[in-house]
Amino acid sequence: MGSSHTVVHLTTVHHPYDVRIYHKECLSLYKAGYNVYLIAPDSNNDKEVPIKHIKLKTYNSRLKRMIFGTFDAYRKAKKIKANVYHFHDPELMIVAWLLKNRKNVVVYDVHEDFITSLIKKDYLNKWLKKIIKNTFKTIEKFFTRKFKKVLAEKYYIENHPDGHYILNYPILNDDIDKHERTYETLDNALIYTGNVDVQRGAYIHARLPLIHHDIECYVIGKCDETYANKMFDIAGGHKDRLKIDGINRFVEKEAIEEAYYNRNWLAGLALFPPTDHYLRKELTKFFEYMNAGIPILCSNFPAWKQFIEEYDCGIAVDPFNEEEIRDAIEFLRNNPDEVKRMGENGKRAVHENLNWDTQAKKLVQLYENWI
């Protein structure tokens, strides 16, 4: 059915090769026969790809992006006359509303719990946070009432009861999956992948070389230079065992996948401080670590601890208890059989159920029902 229909994915915020937008959704729809366009910022990377990338100008100013970037996205999207407009950023709600007509479908892709993300700033008082939260919910409800919605997280259904789950499970890759993990000779090394900031545990991860003097901590993902310098300061005299790959640059999906197999990692990290934004999220990196056969070492938030126990795929600890973190690392170092068991449990769960193939089929079916 898809071959005669045109789809436009729009983002002014995300990188054009964002894993969810490009590698998962756009490519899955393209393989299903849809004519797919991606309107996204210019990446200064003209590699050949099957998706038609219509480039937007990049802006250093968020305000300029929200004004000029969204107008540019609207102007370019309007010219295409698509059957489906699928947008990925709340700042594009008005653009999507203007694009909606009786003949097309508009899809709102809810990537994040935007409300908790918006109000997590420490410098906002409770009164102002409440105003921002209520104002955003009112605006969102008005502009998206005629849209279809897909949700990246299960608990987003609370704010979007008419939404459909398209969860951020990992892509199964035969070339990657043929690699066999060697558990008998584990490296004294921990890995974190993904964007780096304080809420994602940057400063906790930077302390790991201090907490355990025999391990190395590798951080692979886009990291602002300011964060990187602060992390190296925290590691102090042990900063030679803190490796950061991605300072001031986007790290491609392929590079992250390769990193999972270039060492015999003890564990994949997600030692985040507690924030409303992450307390209930099933992190994409969980599934990626599991798919690579790497046990998870994460914060003991109730939802995360329940996830770890359900799949028996890692260890959940208090992110502020250094002794507990050290004991967990030491347990992994001294018990390669347990590392292997947890790693294999995670990999099995991903291959049997928690993988993108299951979500791609749902996405294509939704499109076919909607058009």
Protein backbone atom coordinates (compact mmCIF):
# COMPACT_ATOMS: atom_id res chain seq x y z
CA MET A 1 0.00 0.00 0.00
CA GLY A 2 2.82 2.41 0.83
CA SER A 3 4.23 2.78 -2.70
CA SER A 4 1.71 5.42 -3.79
CA HIS A 5 1.83 7.48 -0.62
CA THR A 6 4.17 10.27 0.42
CA VAL A 7 5.35 10.79 4.00
CA VAL A 8 7.19 13.79 5.42
CA HIS A 9 9.00 13.58 8.77
CA LEU A 10 9.81 16.96 10.30
CA THR A 11 12.26 18.00 12.99
CA THR A 12 13.97 21.28 13.76
CA VAL A 13 15.67 19.95 16.91
CA HIS A 14 17.05 16.49 16.17
CA HIS A 15 20.03 15.46 14.09
CA PRO A 16 18.93 14.15 10.65
CA TYR A 17 20.40 10.74 11.47
CA ASP A 18 18.68 10.55 14.85
CA VAL A 19 18.18 6.87 15.59
CA ARG A 20 14.42 6.97 16.22
CA ILE A 21 13.57 9.36 13.39
CA TYR A 22 15.89 8.24 10.61
CA HIS A 23 17.20 4.74 11.32
CA LYS A 24 13.98 3.39 12.80
CA GLU A 25 10.91 5.19 11.50
CA CYS A 26 11.97 6.70 8.17
CA LEU A 27 13.87 3.64 6.97
CA SER A 28 11.10 1.27 8.09
CA LEU A 29 8.52 3.24 6.14
CA TYR A 30 10.84 3.45 3.13
CA LYS A 31 11.30 -0.33 3.19
CA ALA A 32 7.52 -0.71 3.38
CA GLY A 33 7.24 1.17 0.08
CA TYR A 34 6.44 4.72 1.18
CA ASN A 35 7.93 7.76 -0.53
CA VAL A 36 9.71 9.30 2.46
CA TYR A 37 11.05 12.83 2.91
CA LEU A 38 12.92 14.07 5.98
CA ILE A 39 12.91 17.79 6.72
CA ALA A 40 15.69 18.24 9.28
CA PRO A 41 18.70 20.46 10.07
CA ASP A 42 21.74 20.26 7.83
CA SER A 43 24.32 17.85 9.24
CA ASN A 44 27.15 18.91 6.89
CA ASN A 45 27.36 15.24 5.94
CA ASP A 46 26.29 14.44 2.40
CA LYS A 47 26.57 10.65 2.60
CA GLU A 48 24.29 8.78 0.23
CA VAL A 49 21.07 7.70 1.92
CA PRO A 50 17.78 6.42 0.53
CA ILE A 51 15.70 9.04 2.33
CA LYS A 52 15.25 12.45 0.67
CA HIS A 53 16.77 14.88 3.19
CA ILE A 54 15.49 18.44 2.79
CA LYS A 55 17.91 20.55 4.77
CA LEU A 56 17.06 23.30 7.22
CA LYS A 57 19.47 26.03 8.22
CA THR A 58 20.99 25.48 11.67
CA TYR A 59 20.86 28.23 14.29
CA ASN A 60 23.00 28.76 17.38
CA SER A 61 20.11 30.61 18.99
CA ARG A 62 17.15 28.53 20.19
CA LEU A 63 14.84 31.52 19.71
CA LYS A 64 15.94 31.99 16.09
CA ARG A 65 15.48 28.28 15.45
CA MET A 66 11.98 28.34 16.90
CA ILE A 67 11.01 31.36 14.78
CA PHE A 68 12.90 31.03 11.50
CA GLY A 69 13.50 27.26 11.59
CA THR A 70 9.85 26.40 12.11
CA PHE A 71 8.75 28.81 9.35
CA ASP A 72 11.31 27.26 6.97
CA ALA A 73 10.08 23.76 7.89
CA TYR A 74 6.48 24.79 7.19
CA ARG A 75 7.34 26.38 3.85
CA LYS A 76 9.26 23.33 2.66
CA ALA A 77 6.72 20.81 3.98
CA LYS A 78 3.81 22.66 2.36
CA LYS A 79 5.38 22.28 -1.10
CA ILE A 80 5.42 18.48 -0.89
CA LYS A 81 1.66 17.83 -0.58
CA ALA A 82 2.16 14.70 1.53
CA ASN A 83 -0.37 12.11 2.62
CA VAL A 84 1.24 12.04 6.09
CA TYR A 85 3.13 14.73 8.00
CA HIS A 86 4.91 13.17 10.99
CA PHE A 87 6.53 15.70 13.33
CA HIS A 88 8.90 15.13 16.23
CA ASP A 89 9.20 18.39 18.20
CA PRO A 90 6.60 20.24 20.31
CA GLU A 91 7.78 23.51 18.77
CA LEU A 92 6.36 22.27 15.45
CA MET A 93 2.80 21.91 16.76
CA ILE A 94 1.60 25.10 15.06
CA VAL A 95 3.36 24.15 11.82
CA ALA A 96 1.68 20.74 11.90
CA TRP A 97 -1.69 22.35 12.69
CA LEU A 98 -1.32 24.59 9.63
CA LEU A 99 -0.42 21.60 7.46
CA LYS A 100 -3.46 19.58 8.53
CA ASN A 101 -6.38 19.36 6.11
CA ARG A 102 -9.23 16.94 5.42
CA LYS A 103 -7.19 14.85 3.01
CA ASN A 104 -4.00 14.23 4.99
CA VAL A 105 -2.89 12.70 8.27
CA VAL A 106 -0.69 14.47 10.84
CA VAL A 107 1.22 12.38 13.38
CA TYR A 108 2.63 13.76 16.63
CA ASP A 109 5.62 11.67 17.72
CA VAL A 110 6.02 12.08 21.49
CA HIS A 111 9.71 11.42 22.13
CA GLU A 112 9.91 12.73 25.66
CA ASP A 113 7.87 13.69 28.68
CA PHE A 114 8.20 17.30 27.58
CA ILE A 115 6.40 18.74 30.60
CA THR A 116 8.78 17.27 33.18
CA SER A 117 11.68 18.13 30.89
CA LEU A 118 10.48 21.70 30.68
CA ILE A 119 9.98 22.22 34.42
CA LYS A 120 13.08 20.40 35.68
CA LYS A 121 15.11 23.65 35.67
CA ASP A 122 16.25 24.40 39.20
CA TYR A 123 16.02 28.15 38.69
CA LEU A 124 12.20 28.00 38.19
CA ASN A 125 10.10 28.26 41.35
CA LYS A 126 7.09 25.98 41.95
CA TRP A 127 4.57 28.67 41.04
CA LEU A 128 6.22 29.38 37.69
CA LYS A 129 6.62 25.67 36.96
CA LYS A 130 2.89 25.14 37.53
CA ILE A 131 2.03 27.98 35.14
CA ILE A 132 4.39 26.61 32.47
CA LYS A 133 3.01 23.08 32.87
CA ASN A 134 -0.64 24.12 32.63
CA THR A 135 0.00 26.51 29.73
CA PHE A 136 1.85 23.89 27.71
CA LYS A 137 -0.82 21.25 28.34
CA THR A 138 -3.54 23.66 27.18
CA ILE A 139 -1.64 24.61 24.02
CA GLU A 140 -0.75 21.00 23.25
CA LYS A 141 -4.33 19.81 23.70
CA PHE A 142 -5.70 22.52 21.41
CA PHE A 143 -3.25 22.13 18.53
CA THR A 144 -3.00 18.33 18.55
CA ARG A 145 -6.64 17.36 19.01
CA LYS A 146 -6.96 16.25 15.35
CA PHE A 147 -3.57 14.54 15.20
CA LYS A 148 -2.66 10.89 15.48
CA LYS A 149 -0.11 10.24 18.22
CA VAL A 150 2.69 7.73 18.65
CA LEU A 151 4.45 7.35 22.00
CA ALA A 152 8.07 6.41 22.65
CA GLU A 153 7.41 5.47 26.29
CA LYS A 154 4.62 3.45 27.93
CA TYR A 155 3.76 5.95 30.66
CA TYR A 156 3.18 8.77 28.13
CA ILE A 157 -0.29 7.25 27.73
CA GLU A 158 -1.24 9.08 30.93
CA ASN A 159 -1.04 12.43 29.10
CA HIS A 160 -2.03 11.04 25.68
CA PRO A 161 -4.73 8.39 26.22
CA ASP A 162 -5.42 8.35 22.47
CA GLY A 163 -1.78 7.55 21.66
CA HIS A 164 -0.25 4.38 20.22
CA TYR A 165 2.97 2.81 21.52
CA ILE A 166 5.90 2.83 19.12
CA LEU A 167 8.61 2.07 21.65
CA ASN A 168 12.31 2.80 21.25
CA TYR A 169 13.49 -0.80 21.10
CA PRO A 170 16.85 -1.46 19.36
CA ILE A 171 17.33 -2.46 15.74
CA LEU A 172 18.51 -6.03 15.29
CA ASN A 173 21.59 -5.95 13.10
CA ASP A 174 22.91 -9.22 11.67
CA ASP A 175 26.38 -7.76 11.08
CA ILE A 176 26.55 -6.60 14.70
CA ASP A 177 24.83 -9.60 16.24
CA LYS A 178 27.32 -12.06 14.72
CA HIS A 179 29.90 -10.76 17.19
CA GLU A 180 30.31 -13.06 20.17
CA ARG A 181 31.00 -11.59 23.58
CA THR A 182 33.90 -13.11 25.47
CA TYR A 183 33.02 -13.24 29.15
CA GLU A 184 36.02 -15.21 30.37
CA THR A 185 38.40 -12.26 29.87
CA LEU A 186 36.44 -9.20 30.93
CA ASP A 187 38.02 -5.76 30.71
CA ASN A 188 38.02 -3.46 33.71
CA ALA A 189 35.92 -1.03 31.71
CA LEU A 190 32.43 0.47 31.89
CA ILE A 191 30.60 2.12 28.99
CA TYR A 192 28.00 4.89 28.79
CA THR A 193 26.41 5.82 25.44
CA GLY A 194 24.13 8.67 24.46
CA ASN A 195 23.92 12.40 25.05
CA VAL A 196 25.80 13.68 28.07
CA ASP A 197 24.50 16.14 30.65
CA VAL A 198 23.99 16.45 34.40
CA GLN A 199 20.54 14.84 34.39
CA ARG A 200 22.03 11.87 32.49
CA GLY A 201 24.58 11.27 35.21
CA ALA A 202 27.60 13.02 33.71
CA TYR A 203 29.12 14.00 37.04
CA ILE A 204 28.33 10.66 38.71
CA HIS A 205 29.97 8.76 35.86
CA ALA A 206 32.98 11.09 36.10
CA ARG A 207 33.53 9.92 39.69
CA LEU A 208 33.76 6.23 38.79
CA PRO A 209 37.58 6.26 38.34
CA LEU A 210 37.74 7.71 41.88
CA ILE A 211 35.24 5.23 43.30
CA HIS A 212 37.11 2.21 41.89
CA HIS A 213 40.80 2.63 41.08
CA ASP A 214 41.05 -0.35 38.71
CA ILE A 215 38.35 0.52 36.19
CA GLU A 216 38.10 2.78 33.16
CA CYS A 217 34.94 4.71 32.28
CA TYR A 218 34.15 5.34 28.61
CA VAL A 219 31.54 7.96 27.72
CA ILE A 220 30.48 7.84 24.06
CA GLY A 221 27.98 10.43 22.85
CA LYS A 222 27.50 14.12 22.21
CA CYS A 223 29.05 16.03 25.11
CA ASP A 224 29.32 19.78 25.38
CA GLU A 225 32.90 20.85 26.05
CA THR A 226 31.80 22.57 29.26
CA TYR A 227 30.49 19.26 30.64
CA ALA A 228 33.60 17.41 29.48
CA ASN A 229 35.96 19.83 31.23
CA LYS A 230 33.93 19.62 34.44
CA MET A 231 33.96 15.81 34.25
CA PHE A 232 37.73 15.74 33.85
CA ASP A 233 38.05 18.13 36.80
CA ILE A 234 35.92 15.78 38.92
CA ALA A 235 38.05 12.78 37.94
CA GLY A 236 41.12 14.81 38.90
CA GLY A 237 44.29 12.75 39.12
CA HIS A 238 42.41 9.74 37.72
CA LYS A 239 41.15 11.48 34.57
CA ASP A 240 43.38 9.28 32.41
CA ARG A 241 40.81 6.51 33.12
CA LEU A 242 37.88 8.70 31.99
CA LYS A 243 37.50 8.62 28.20
CA ILE A 244 35.01 10.91 26.43
CA ASP A 245 34.33 10.38 22.73
CA GLY A 246 31.95 12.96 21.28
CA ILE A 247 33.02 16.32 22.68
CA ASN A 248 31.05 18.99 20.78
CA ARG A 249 29.92 16.56 18.08
CA PHE A 250 27.15 14.11 17.27
CA VAL A 251 28.18 10.44 17.44
CA GLU A 252 26.62 8.32 14.71
CA LYS A 253 24.63 5.19 15.51
CA GLU A 254 27.16 3.01 13.68
CA ALA A 255 30.03 4.27 15.86
CA ILE A 256 28.09 3.51 19.04
CA GLU A 257 27.19 0.02 17.81
CA GLU A 258 30.85 -0.65 17.01
CA ALA A 259 31.86 0.54 20.48
CA TYR A 260 29.67 -2.09 22.14
CA TYR A 261 31.87 -4.81 20.67
CA ASN A 262 35.37 -3.32 20.76
CA ARG A 263 35.85 -4.15 24.45
CA ASN A 264 34.65 -6.87 26.83
CA TRP A 265 32.71 -4.40 28.96
CA LEU A 266 31.86 -5.12 32.58
CA ALA A 267 28.61 -3.15 32.34
CA GLY A 268 26.67 -0.44 30.54
CA LEU A 269 26.06 2.64 32.69
CA ALA A 270 22.98 4.68 33.56
CA LEU A 271 23.79 6.10 36.99
CA PHE A 272 21.42 9.06 36.79
CA PRO A 273 20.42 11.35 39.66
CA PRO A 274 16.69 11.20 40.43
CA THR A 275 14.64 13.63 38.34
CA ASP A 276 10.98 13.48 37.37
CA HIS A 277 12.05 13.33 33.74
CA TYR A 278 13.84 9.98 34.05
CA LEU A 279 12.25 8.20 37.01
CA ARG A 280 9.88 6.16 34.83
CA LYS A 281 11.59 6.08 31.44
CA GLU A 282 12.80 2.79 29.99
CA LEU A 283 16.01 4.15 28.53
CA THR A 284 16.86 3.23 24.94
CA LYS A 285 20.39 2.51 26.09
CA PHE A 286 19.03 -0.29 28.32
CA PHE A 287 17.88 -2.19 25.26
CA GLU A 288 21.11 -1.43 23.38
CA TYR A 289 23.26 -2.72 26.24
CA MET A 290 21.07 -5.82 26.47
CA ASN A 291 21.25 -6.44 22.72
CA ALA A 292 25.05 -6.35 22.94
CA GLY A 293 25.05 -8.82 25.85
CA ILE A 294 26.29 -6.18 28.32
CA PRO A 295 24.83 -6.15 31.86
CA ILE A 296 23.30 -2.87 33.02
CA LEU A 297 24.55 -0.90 36.04
CA CYS A 298 21.92 1.74 36.74
CA SER A 299 20.21 3.83 39.39
CA ASN A 300 17.75 2.04 41.65
CA PHE A 301 14.66 4.06 40.69
CA PRO A 302 11.65 1.81 41.34
CA ALA A 303 10.75 1.47 37.64
CA TRP A 304 14.36 0.79 36.66
CA LYS A 305 14.91 -1.70 39.47
CA GLN A 306 11.72 -3.52 38.48
CA PHE A 307 12.93 -3.65 34.86
CA ILE A 308 16.34 -5.04 35.90
CA GLU A 309 14.72 -7.67 38.11
CA GLU A 310 12.12 -8.65 35.48
CA TYR A 311 14.77 -9.42 32.88
CA ASP A 312 17.56 -10.31 35.36
CA CYS A 313 19.97 -8.30 33.24
CA GLY A 314 22.04 -6.15 35.59
CA ILE A 315 22.38 -4.41 38.95
CA ALA A 316 20.50 -1.37 40.29
CA VAL A 317 22.25 0.75 42.92
CA ASP A 318 21.85 4.02 44.80
CA PRO A 319 23.63 6.51 42.48
CA PHE A 320 24.83 8.52 45.48
CA ASN A 321 26.17 5.56 47.50
CA GLU A 322 29.77 5.15 46.39
CA GLU A 323 30.31 2.04 48.49
CA GLU A 324 27.31 0.37 46.87
CA ILE A 325 28.59 1.31 43.42
CA ARG A 326 32.08 0.02 44.25
CA ASP A 327 30.66 -3.26 45.56
CA ALA A 328 28.61 -3.73 42.38
CA ILE A 329 31.66 -3.14 40.17
CA GLU A 330 33.72 -5.52 42.29
CA PHE A 331 31.00 -8.17 42.08
CA LEU A 332 31.03 -7.95 38.29
CA ARG A 333 34.83 -8.16 38.18
CA ASN A 334 34.92 -11.24 40.38
CA ASN A 335 31.97 -13.08 38.85
CA PRO A 336 32.33 -13.45 35.07
CA ASP A 337 29.72 -16.22 35.11
CA GLU A 338 27.18 -13.76 36.50
CA VAL A 339 28.19 -11.15 33.91
CA LYS A 340 27.65 -13.76 31.22
CA ARG A 341 24.29 -14.88 32.64
CA MET A 342 22.93 -11.34 32.93
CA GLY A 343 24.28 -10.39 29.52
CA GLU A 344 22.72 -13.41 27.86
CA ASN A 345 19.41 -12.84 29.66
CA GLY A 346 19.26 -9.32 28.28
CA LYS A 347 20.19 -10.35 24.76
CA ARG A 348 17.56 -13.10 24.76
CA ALA A 349 14.84 -10.66 25.89
CA VAL A 350 15.70 -8.24 23.10
CA HIS A 351 15.80 -10.91 20.41
CA GLU A 352 12.54 -12.47 21.51
CA ASN A 353 10.46 -9.34 22.10
CA LEU A 354 12.16 -6.02 22.88
CA ASN A 355 13.36 -5.18 19.35
CA TRP A 356 12.51 -2.62 16.68
CA ASP A 357 11.09 -5.21 14.25
CA THR A 358 8.04 -5.55 16.50
CA GLN A 359 7.55 -1.76 16.53
CA ALA A 360 8.19 -1.28 12.80
CA LYS A 361 5.34 -3.66 11.99
CA LYS A 362 3.04 -1.69 14.30
CA LEU A 363 4.10 1.63 12.74
CA VAL A 364 3.47 0.44 9.18
CA GLN A 365 0.11 -1.04 10.21
CA LEU A 366 -0.92 2.24 11.84
CA TYR A 367 -0.04 4.16 8.67
CA GLU A 368 -2.08 1.75 6.58
CA ASN A 369 -5.05 2.16 8.91
CA TRP A 370 -4.80 5.95 8.92
CA ILE A 371 -4.32 6.71 5.24
